[in-house]
Amino acid sequence: MIDLHTHTFFSDGALVPAEHLRRVEVLGYKAVAITDHADSSNLDYIIPRIVQAAKDLNPHSKTRLLPGIELTHVPPALVKPLTKQARLLGALVVVVHGETPVEPVIAGTNLAAIEACVDVLSHPGFITEEEVQLAVKNNVMIELSGRKGHCLTNGHVAKLALKFGAKLVVNADAHEPGDFLTSEMAKKVALGAGLSEDQYLEVRKNMSLFVDSI
């Protein structure tokens, strides 16, 4: 199991990184990214702390902690420069909070994230065919969300991703201990979105290859 989109108390989560990592280690995870919510006001506060947590905790855990960030509700024009800044600060996983149907995310955020070549576009709502095709070109992974509300358009996202060959990820968007996906539940999220079992295995393979590459 791998999850590339989770939150600690550095934004709106409940756990410190040490407990966060321990919870998923017990669930048998290979890796987890901590991607707390950020904009230009707190980017330089959060990322160095997650980088330090990874440095301290990884030697003592079977699960690898990946420092990351989720750019959240930032104006589309700021996505690219903030992505660059995040990487310079040490973020190994840059996620953008996509145009979920349950929040007033600014139109154009999905496109800005894809153009910025972020790693993961989370819960992208009614993403367009053109955006999915660009995601393929720019090697941006598109999320199937396990989180209430954000998951409402998983079927739409999966349908377009499969049509155009975009890489999918299954993430919990976990904020509390009960949010972490078990292997069985992650599979249900994928199959519920319309993937076959073989397609879900391909998702897991691609997520593993991504982690191995960073």
C-alpha atoms as a PDB file:
ATOM      1  CA  MET A   1       0.000   0.000   0.000  1.00  0.00           C
ATOM      2  CA  ILE A   2       1.070   3.539  -0.830  1.00  0.00           C
ATOM      3  CA  ASP A   3      -0.758   6.815  -0.194  1.00  0.00           C
ATOM      4  CA  LEU A   4       0.424  10.070  -1.738  1.00  0.00           C
ATOM      5  CA  HIS A   5      -2.095  12.437  -0.114  1.00  0.00           C
ATOM      6  CA  THR A   6      -2.480  12.688   3.678  1.00  0.00           C
ATOM      7  CA  HIS A   7      -2.570  15.388   6.354  1.00  0.00           C
ATOM      8  CA  THR A   8      -1.164  15.924   9.845  1.00  0.00           C
ATOM      9  CA  PHE A   9      -1.743  18.616  12.448  1.00  0.00           C
ATOM     10  CA  PHE A  10       0.490  20.949  10.447  1.00  0.00           C
ATOM     11  CA  SER A  11      -2.732  21.735   8.579  1.00  0.00           C
ATOM     12  CA  ASP A  12      -6.139  20.202   9.369  1.00  0.00           C
ATOM     13  CA  GLY A  13      -5.126  16.674  10.356  1.00  0.00           C
ATOM     14  CA  ALA A  14      -5.121  15.158  13.828  1.00  0.00           C
ATOM     15  CA  LEU A  15      -1.751  13.449  14.229  1.00  0.00           C
ATOM     16  CA  VAL A  16       1.903  14.359  14.598  1.00  0.00           C
ATOM     17  CA  PRO A  17       4.077  12.821  11.848  1.00  0.00           C
ATOM     18  CA  ALA A  18       5.420  10.088  14.140  1.00  0.00           C
ATOM     19  CA  GLU A  19       1.980   8.698  14.975  1.00  0.00           C
ATOM     20  CA  HIS A  20       0.828   9.252  11.398  1.00  0.00           C
ATOM     21  CA  LEU A  21       3.680   7.107  10.111  1.00  0.00           C
ATOM     22  CA  ARG A  22       3.194   4.461  12.783  1.00  0.00           C
ATOM     23  CA  ARG A  23      -0.507   4.092  11.971  1.00  0.00           C
ATOM     24  CA  VAL A  24       0.187   3.226   8.340  1.00  0.00           C
ATOM     25  CA  GLU A  25       3.201   1.082   9.183  1.00  0.00           C
ATOM     26  CA  VAL A  26       0.851  -1.166  11.174  1.00  0.00           C
ATOM     27  CA  LEU A  27      -1.414  -1.322   8.106  1.00  0.00           C
ATOM     28  CA  GLY A  28       1.525  -2.579   6.035  1.00  0.00           C
ATOM     29  CA  TYR A  29       2.156   0.494   3.902  1.00  0.00           C
ATOM     30  CA  LYS A  30       5.268   0.716   1.758  1.00  0.00           C
ATOM     31  CA  ALA A  31       5.207   4.534   1.766  1.00  0.00           C
ATOM     32  CA  VAL A  32       3.070   7.502   2.757  1.00  0.00           C
ATOM     33  CA  ALA A  33       3.347  11.142   1.737  1.00  0.00           C
ATOM     34  CA  ILE A  34       2.439  13.865   4.197  1.00  0.00           C
ATOM     35  CA  THR A  35       0.957  16.613   2.039  1.00  0.00           C
ATOM     36  CA  ASP A  36      -0.453  19.230   4.372  1.00  0.00           C
ATOM     37  CA  HIS A  37      -2.491  22.117   2.985  1.00  0.00           C
ATOM     38  CA  ALA A  38      -0.456  25.161   2.033  1.00  0.00           C
ATOM     39  CA  ASP A  39      -0.336  28.418   0.146  1.00  0.00           C
ATOM     40  CA  SER A  40       2.356  31.100   0.012  1.00  0.00           C
ATOM     41  CA  SER A  41       1.805  31.937   3.699  1.00  0.00           C
ATOM     42  CA  ASN A  42       2.923  28.614   5.184  1.00  0.00           C
ATOM     43  CA  LEU A  43       4.773  26.658   2.508  1.00  0.00           C
ATOM     44  CA  ASP A  44       8.169  27.433   3.993  1.00  0.00           C
ATOM     45  CA  TYR A  45       6.940  26.509   7.476  1.00  0.00           C
ATOM     46  CA  ILE A  46       5.447  23.094   6.732  1.00  0.00           C
ATOM     47  CA  ILE A  47       7.824  21.490   4.260  1.00  0.00           C
ATOM     48  CA  PRO A  48      11.059  21.790   6.280  1.00  0.00           C
ATOM     49  CA  ARG A  49       9.308  20.222   9.270  1.00  0.00           C
ATOM     50  CA  ILE A  50       8.076  17.258   7.272  1.00  0.00           C
ATOM     51  CA  VAL A  51      11.539  16.909   5.724  1.00  0.00           C
ATOM     52  CA  GLN A  52      13.004  16.800   9.241  1.00  0.00           C
ATOM     53  CA  ALA A  53      10.406  14.274  10.378  1.00  0.00           C
ATOM     54  CA  ALA A  54      11.279  12.014   7.449  1.00  0.00           C
ATOM     55  CA  LYS A  55      14.972  12.290   8.226  1.00  0.00           C
ATOM     56  CA  ASP A  56      14.388  11.358  11.873  1.00  0.00           C
ATOM     57  CA  LEU A  57      11.694   8.687  11.454  1.00  0.00           C
ATOM     58  CA  ASN A  58      12.559   6.772   8.297  1.00  0.00           C
ATOM     59  CA  PRO A  59      15.530   4.903   9.821  1.00  0.00           C
ATOM     60  CA  HIS A  60      13.137   3.478  12.423  1.00  0.00           C
ATOM     61  CA  SER A  61      10.156   2.543  10.238  1.00  0.00           C
ATOM     62  CA  LYS A  62       9.402  -0.105   7.630  1.00  0.00           C
ATOM     63  CA  THR A  63       7.178   2.474   5.934  1.00  0.00           C
ATOM     64  CA  ARG A  64       8.884   5.332   4.090  1.00  0.00           C
ATOM     65  CA  LEU A  65       7.694   8.838   4.936  1.00  0.00           C
ATOM     66  CA  LEU A  66       7.739  11.153   1.918  1.00  0.00           C
ATOM     67  CA  PRO A  67       7.780  14.935   2.507  1.00  0.00           C
ATOM     68  CA  GLY A  68       5.130  16.622   0.434  1.00  0.00           C
ATOM     69  CA  ILE A  69       2.636  19.455   0.226  1.00  0.00           C
ATOM     70  CA  GLU A  70      -0.861  20.096  -1.120  1.00  0.00           C
ATOM     71  CA  LEU A  71      -1.284  23.511  -2.710  1.00  0.00           C
ATOM     72  CA  THR A  72      -4.828  24.370  -1.707  1.00  0.00           C
ATOM     73  CA  HIS A  73      -7.206  26.977  -3.144  1.00  0.00           C
ATOM     74  CA  VAL A  74      -4.314  29.050  -4.475  1.00  0.00           C
ATOM     75  CA  PRO A  75      -4.973  31.208  -7.548  1.00  0.00           C
ATOM     76  CA  PRO A  76      -4.066  29.281 -10.700  1.00  0.00           C
ATOM     77  CA  ALA A  77      -1.366  31.821 -11.593  1.00  0.00           C
ATOM     78  CA  LEU A  78       0.483  30.926  -8.370  1.00  0.00           C
ATOM     79  CA  VAL A  79       0.482  27.151  -8.847  1.00  0.00           C
ATOM     80  CA  LYS A  80       3.607  26.980 -10.990  1.00  0.00           C
ATOM     81  CA  PRO A  81       5.846  29.270  -8.877  1.00  0.00           C
ATOM     82  CA  LEU A  82       4.686  27.638  -5.640  1.00  0.00           C
ATOM     83  CA  THR A  83       5.345  24.190  -7.107  1.00  0.00           C
ATOM     84  CA  LYS A  84       8.885  25.269  -7.910  1.00  0.00           C
ATOM     85  CA  GLN A  85       9.343  26.700  -4.415  1.00  0.00           C
ATOM     86  CA  ALA A  86       7.984  23.525  -2.819  1.00  0.00           C
ATOM     87  CA  ARG A  87      10.467  21.360  -4.667  1.00  0.00           C
ATOM     88  CA  LEU A  88      13.342  23.652  -3.701  1.00  0.00           C
ATOM     89  CA  LEU A  89      12.274  23.310  -0.050  1.00  0.00           C
ATOM     90  CA  GLY A  90      12.464  19.525  -0.301  1.00  0.00           C
ATOM     91  CA  ALA A  91       8.968  18.360  -1.182  1.00  0.00           C
ATOM     92  CA  LEU A  92       9.182  15.013  -2.955  1.00  0.00           C
ATOM     93  CA  VAL A  93       5.450  14.926  -3.660  1.00  0.00           C
ATOM     94  CA  VAL A  94       3.610  18.039  -4.840  1.00  0.00           C
ATOM     95  CA  VAL A  95      -0.168  17.716  -4.882  1.00  0.00           C
ATOM     96  CA  VAL A  96      -2.655  20.331  -6.032  1.00  0.00           C
ATOM     97  CA  HIS A  97      -6.137  20.512  -4.509  1.00  0.00           C
ATOM     98  CA  GLY A  98      -8.210  20.017  -7.628  1.00  0.00           C
ATOM     99  CA  GLU A  99     -11.644  21.233  -8.631  1.00  0.00           C
ATOM    100  CA  THR A 100     -13.647  18.975  -6.327  1.00  0.00           C
ATOM    101  CA  PRO A 101     -17.429  19.278  -6.715  1.00  0.00           C
ATOM    102  CA  VAL A 102     -17.906  20.001  -3.007  1.00  0.00           C
ATOM    103  CA  GLU A 103     -15.706  23.112  -2.645  1.00  0.00           C
ATOM    104  CA  PRO A 104     -15.473  26.446  -4.520  1.00  0.00           C
ATOM    105  CA  VAL A 105     -12.058  25.758  -6.034  1.00  0.00           C
ATOM    106  CA  ILE A 106     -11.161  28.389  -8.629  1.00  0.00           C
ATOM    107  CA  ALA A 107     -11.862  27.332 -12.205  1.00  0.00           C
ATOM    108  CA  GLY A 108      -8.602  26.743 -14.029  1.00  0.00           C
ATOM    109  CA  THR A 109      -6.884  25.106 -11.045  1.00  0.00           C
ATOM    110  CA  ASN A 110      -6.819  21.670 -12.679  1.00  0.00           C
ATOM    111  CA  LEU A 111      -5.209  23.053 -15.820  1.00  0.00           C
ATOM    112  CA  ALA A 112      -2.686  25.130 -13.874  1.00  0.00           C
ATOM    113  CA  ALA A 113      -1.627  22.066 -11.872  1.00  0.00           C
ATOM    114  CA  ILE A 114      -1.157  19.963 -14.984  1.00  0.00           C
ATOM    115  CA  GLU A 115       0.758  22.716 -16.757  1.00  0.00           C
ATOM    116  CA  ALA A 116       3.013  23.030 -13.688  1.00  0.00           C
ATOM    117  CA  CYS A 117       3.796  19.285 -13.906  1.00  0.00           C
ATOM    118  CA  VAL A 118       2.851  18.573 -10.305  1.00  0.00           C
ATOM    119  CA  ASP A 119       2.979  14.956  -9.168  1.00  0.00           C
ATOM    120  CA  VAL A 120      -0.682  14.455  -8.251  1.00  0.00           C
ATOM    121  CA  LEU A 121      -3.850  16.329  -9.140  1.00  0.00           C
ATOM    122  CA  SER A 122      -6.172  15.436  -6.286  1.00  0.00           C
ATOM    123  CA  HIS A 123      -9.960  15.042  -6.562  1.00  0.00           C
ATOM    124  CA  PRO A 124     -10.192  16.924  -9.883  1.00  0.00           C
ATOM    125  CA  GLY A 125     -13.988  16.859 -10.103  1.00  0.00           C
ATOM    126  CA  PHE A 126     -15.333  17.195 -13.641  1.00  0.00           C
ATOM    127  CA  ILE A 127     -11.927  17.261 -15.267  1.00  0.00           C
ATOM    128  CA  THR A 128     -12.073  17.730 -19.046  1.00  0.00           C
ATOM    129  CA  GLU A 129     -10.842  15.441 -21.789  1.00  0.00           C
ATOM    130  CA  GLU A 130      -8.300  18.061 -22.841  1.00  0.00           C
ATOM    131  CA  GLU A 131      -6.925  18.291 -19.307  1.00  0.00           C
ATOM    132  CA  VAL A 132      -6.602  14.515 -19.025  1.00  0.00           C
ATOM    133  CA  GLN A 133      -4.750  14.350 -22.325  1.00  0.00           C
ATOM    134  CA  LEU A 134      -2.348  17.049 -21.127  1.00  0.00           C
ATOM    135  CA  ALA A 135      -1.876  15.135 -17.861  1.00  0.00           C
ATOM    136  CA  VAL A 136      -0.727  12.157 -19.928  1.00  0.00           C
ATOM    137  CA  LYS A 137       1.745  14.348 -21.800  1.00  0.00           C
ATOM    138  CA  ASN A 138       3.075  15.984 -18.607  1.00  0.00           C
ATOM    139  CA  ASN A 139       3.120  12.735 -16.582  1.00  0.00           C
ATOM    140  CA  VAL A 140       0.752  14.083 -13.929  1.00  0.00           C
ATOM    141  CA  MET A 141      -1.062  11.419 -11.903  1.00  0.00           C
ATOM    142  CA  ILE A 142      -4.791  11.882 -11.317  1.00  0.00           C
ATOM    143  CA  GLU A 143      -6.431  10.902  -8.058  1.00  0.00           C
ATOM    144  CA  LEU A 144      -9.330   8.650  -7.233  1.00  0.00           C
ATOM    145  CA  SER A 145     -10.262   9.866  -3.772  1.00  0.00           C
ATOM    146  CA  GLY A 146     -11.341   7.807  -0.810  1.00  0.00           C
ATOM    147  CA  ARG A 147     -12.638  10.913   0.977  1.00  0.00           C
ATOM    148  CA  LYS A 148     -16.315  11.712   1.441  1.00  0.00           C
ATOM    149  CA  GLY A 149     -17.539  14.319  -1.023  1.00  0.00           C
ATOM    150  CA  HIS A 150     -14.370  14.416  -3.067  1.00  0.00           C
ATOM    151  CA  CYS A 151     -15.105  10.872  -4.253  1.00  0.00           C
ATOM    152  CA  LEU A 152     -18.377  11.832  -5.942  1.00  0.00           C
ATOM    153  CA  THR A 153     -16.742  12.238  -9.352  1.00  0.00           C
ATOM    154  CA  ASN A 154     -14.396   9.242  -9.153  1.00  0.00           C
ATOM    155  CA  GLY A 155     -16.349   7.466 -11.882  1.00  0.00           C
ATOM    156  CA  HIS A 156     -16.005  10.414 -14.253  1.00  0.00           C
ATOM    157  CA  VAL A 157     -12.294  10.740 -13.489  1.00  0.00           C
ATOM    158  CA  ALA A 158     -11.638   7.032 -13.978  1.00  0.00           C
ATOM    159  CA  LYS A 159     -13.581   6.904 -17.243  1.00  0.00           C
ATOM    160  CA  LEU A 160     -11.517   9.681 -18.847  1.00  0.00           C
ATOM    161  CA  ALA A 161      -8.234   8.447 -17.404  1.00  0.00           C
ATOM    162  CA  LEU A 162      -8.802   4.982 -18.833  1.00  0.00           C
ATOM    163  CA  LYS A 163      -9.891   6.420 -22.186  1.00  0.00           C
ATOM    164  CA  PHE A 164      -6.714   8.448 -22.646  1.00  0.00           C
ATOM    165  CA  GLY A 165      -4.205   6.391 -20.673  1.00  0.00           C
ATOM    166  CA  ALA A 166      -3.631   8.767 -17.756  1.00  0.00           C
ATOM    167  CA  LYS A 167      -1.962   7.419 -14.642  1.00  0.00           C
ATOM    168  CA  LEU A 168      -4.320   7.070 -11.697  1.00  0.00           C
ATOM    169  CA  VAL A 169      -3.601   6.964  -7.984  1.00  0.00           C
ATOM    170  CA  VAL A 170      -5.875   5.918  -5.130  1.00  0.00           C
ATOM    171  CA  ASN A 171      -5.439   8.100  -2.046  1.00  0.00           C
ATOM    172  CA  ALA A 172      -7.284   8.407   1.240  1.00  0.00           C
ATOM    173  CA  ASP A 173      -6.825  12.151   1.787  1.00  0.00           C
ATOM    174  CA  ALA A 174      -6.564  11.023   5.402  1.00  0.00           C
ATOM    175  CA  HIS A 175      -6.915  13.545   8.214  1.00  0.00           C
ATOM    176  CA  GLU A 176      -7.589  11.226  11.181  1.00  0.00           C
ATOM    177  CA  PRO A 177      -6.662   7.648  12.133  1.00  0.00           C
ATOM    178  CA  GLY A 178      -9.932   6.238  10.850  1.00  0.00           C
ATOM    179  CA  ASP A 179      -9.373   7.747   7.414  1.00  0.00           C
ATOM    180  CA  PHE A 180      -6.433   5.580   6.366  1.00  0.00           C
ATOM    181  CA  LEU A 181      -7.347   3.061   3.697  1.00  0.00           C
ATOM    182  CA  THR A 182      -6.742  -0.614   4.208  1.00  0.00           C
ATOM    183  CA  SER A 183      -5.657  -2.570   1.153  1.00  0.00           C
ATOM    184  CA  GLU A 184      -9.181  -3.956   0.853  1.00  0.00           C
ATOM    185  CA  MET A 185     -10.816  -0.522   1.027  1.00  0.00           C
ATOM    186  CA  ALA A 186      -8.403   1.022  -1.488  1.00  0.00           C
ATOM    187  CA  LYS A 187      -9.367  -1.746  -3.903  1.00  0.00           C
ATOM    188  CA  LYS A 188     -13.050  -0.986  -3.326  1.00  0.00           C
ATOM    189  CA  VAL A 189     -12.460   2.693  -4.133  1.00  0.00           C
ATOM    190  CA  ALA A 190     -10.844   1.704  -7.426  1.00  0.00           C
ATOM    191  CA  LEU A 191     -13.390  -0.929  -8.423  1.00  0.00           C
ATOM    192  CA  GLY A 192     -16.234   1.368  -7.363  1.00  0.00           C
ATOM    193  CA  ALA A 193     -14.895   3.977  -9.774  1.00  0.00           C
ATOM    194  CA  GLY A 194     -15.112   1.489 -12.619  1.00  0.00           C
ATOM    195  CA  LEU A 195     -11.639  -0.046 -12.746  1.00  0.00           C
ATOM    196  CA  SER A 196     -11.130  -3.757 -13.272  1.00  0.00           C
ATOM    197  CA  GLU A 197      -8.962  -5.722 -10.869  1.00  0.00           C
ATOM    198  CA  ASP A 198      -6.156  -5.779 -13.441  1.00  0.00           C
ATOM    199  CA  GLN A 199      -6.418  -2.017 -13.901  1.00  0.00           C
ATOM    200  CA  TYR A 200      -6.230  -1.530 -10.154  1.00  0.00           C
ATOM    201  CA  LEU A 201      -3.097  -3.666 -10.004  1.00  0.00           C
ATOM    202  CA  GLU A 202      -1.613  -1.382 -12.666  1.00  0.00           C
ATOM    203  CA  VAL A 203      -2.440   1.640 -10.495  1.00  0.00           C
ATOM    204  CA  ARG A 204      -0.622   0.083  -7.566  1.00  0.00           C
ATOM    205  CA  LYS A 205       2.340  -0.780  -9.782  1.00  0.00           C
ATOM    206  CA  ASN A 206       2.592   2.794 -11.079  1.00  0.00           C
ATOM    207  CA  MET A 207       2.405   4.221  -7.562  1.00  0.00           C
ATOM    208  CA  SER A 208       5.203   1.901  -6.464  1.00  0.00           C
ATOM    209  CA  LEU A 209       7.342   2.867  -9.452  1.00  0.00           C
ATOM    210  CA  PHE A 210       6.833   6.538  -8.632  1.00  0.00           C
ATOM    211  CA  VAL A 211       7.937   6.044  -5.029  1.00  0.00           C
ATOM    212  CA  ASP A 212      10.980   4.059  -6.131  1.00  0.00           C
ATOM    213  CA  SER A 213      11.962   6.882  -8.465  1.00  0.00           C
ATOM    214  CA  ILE A 214      12.183   9.578  -5.780  1.00  0.00           C
END
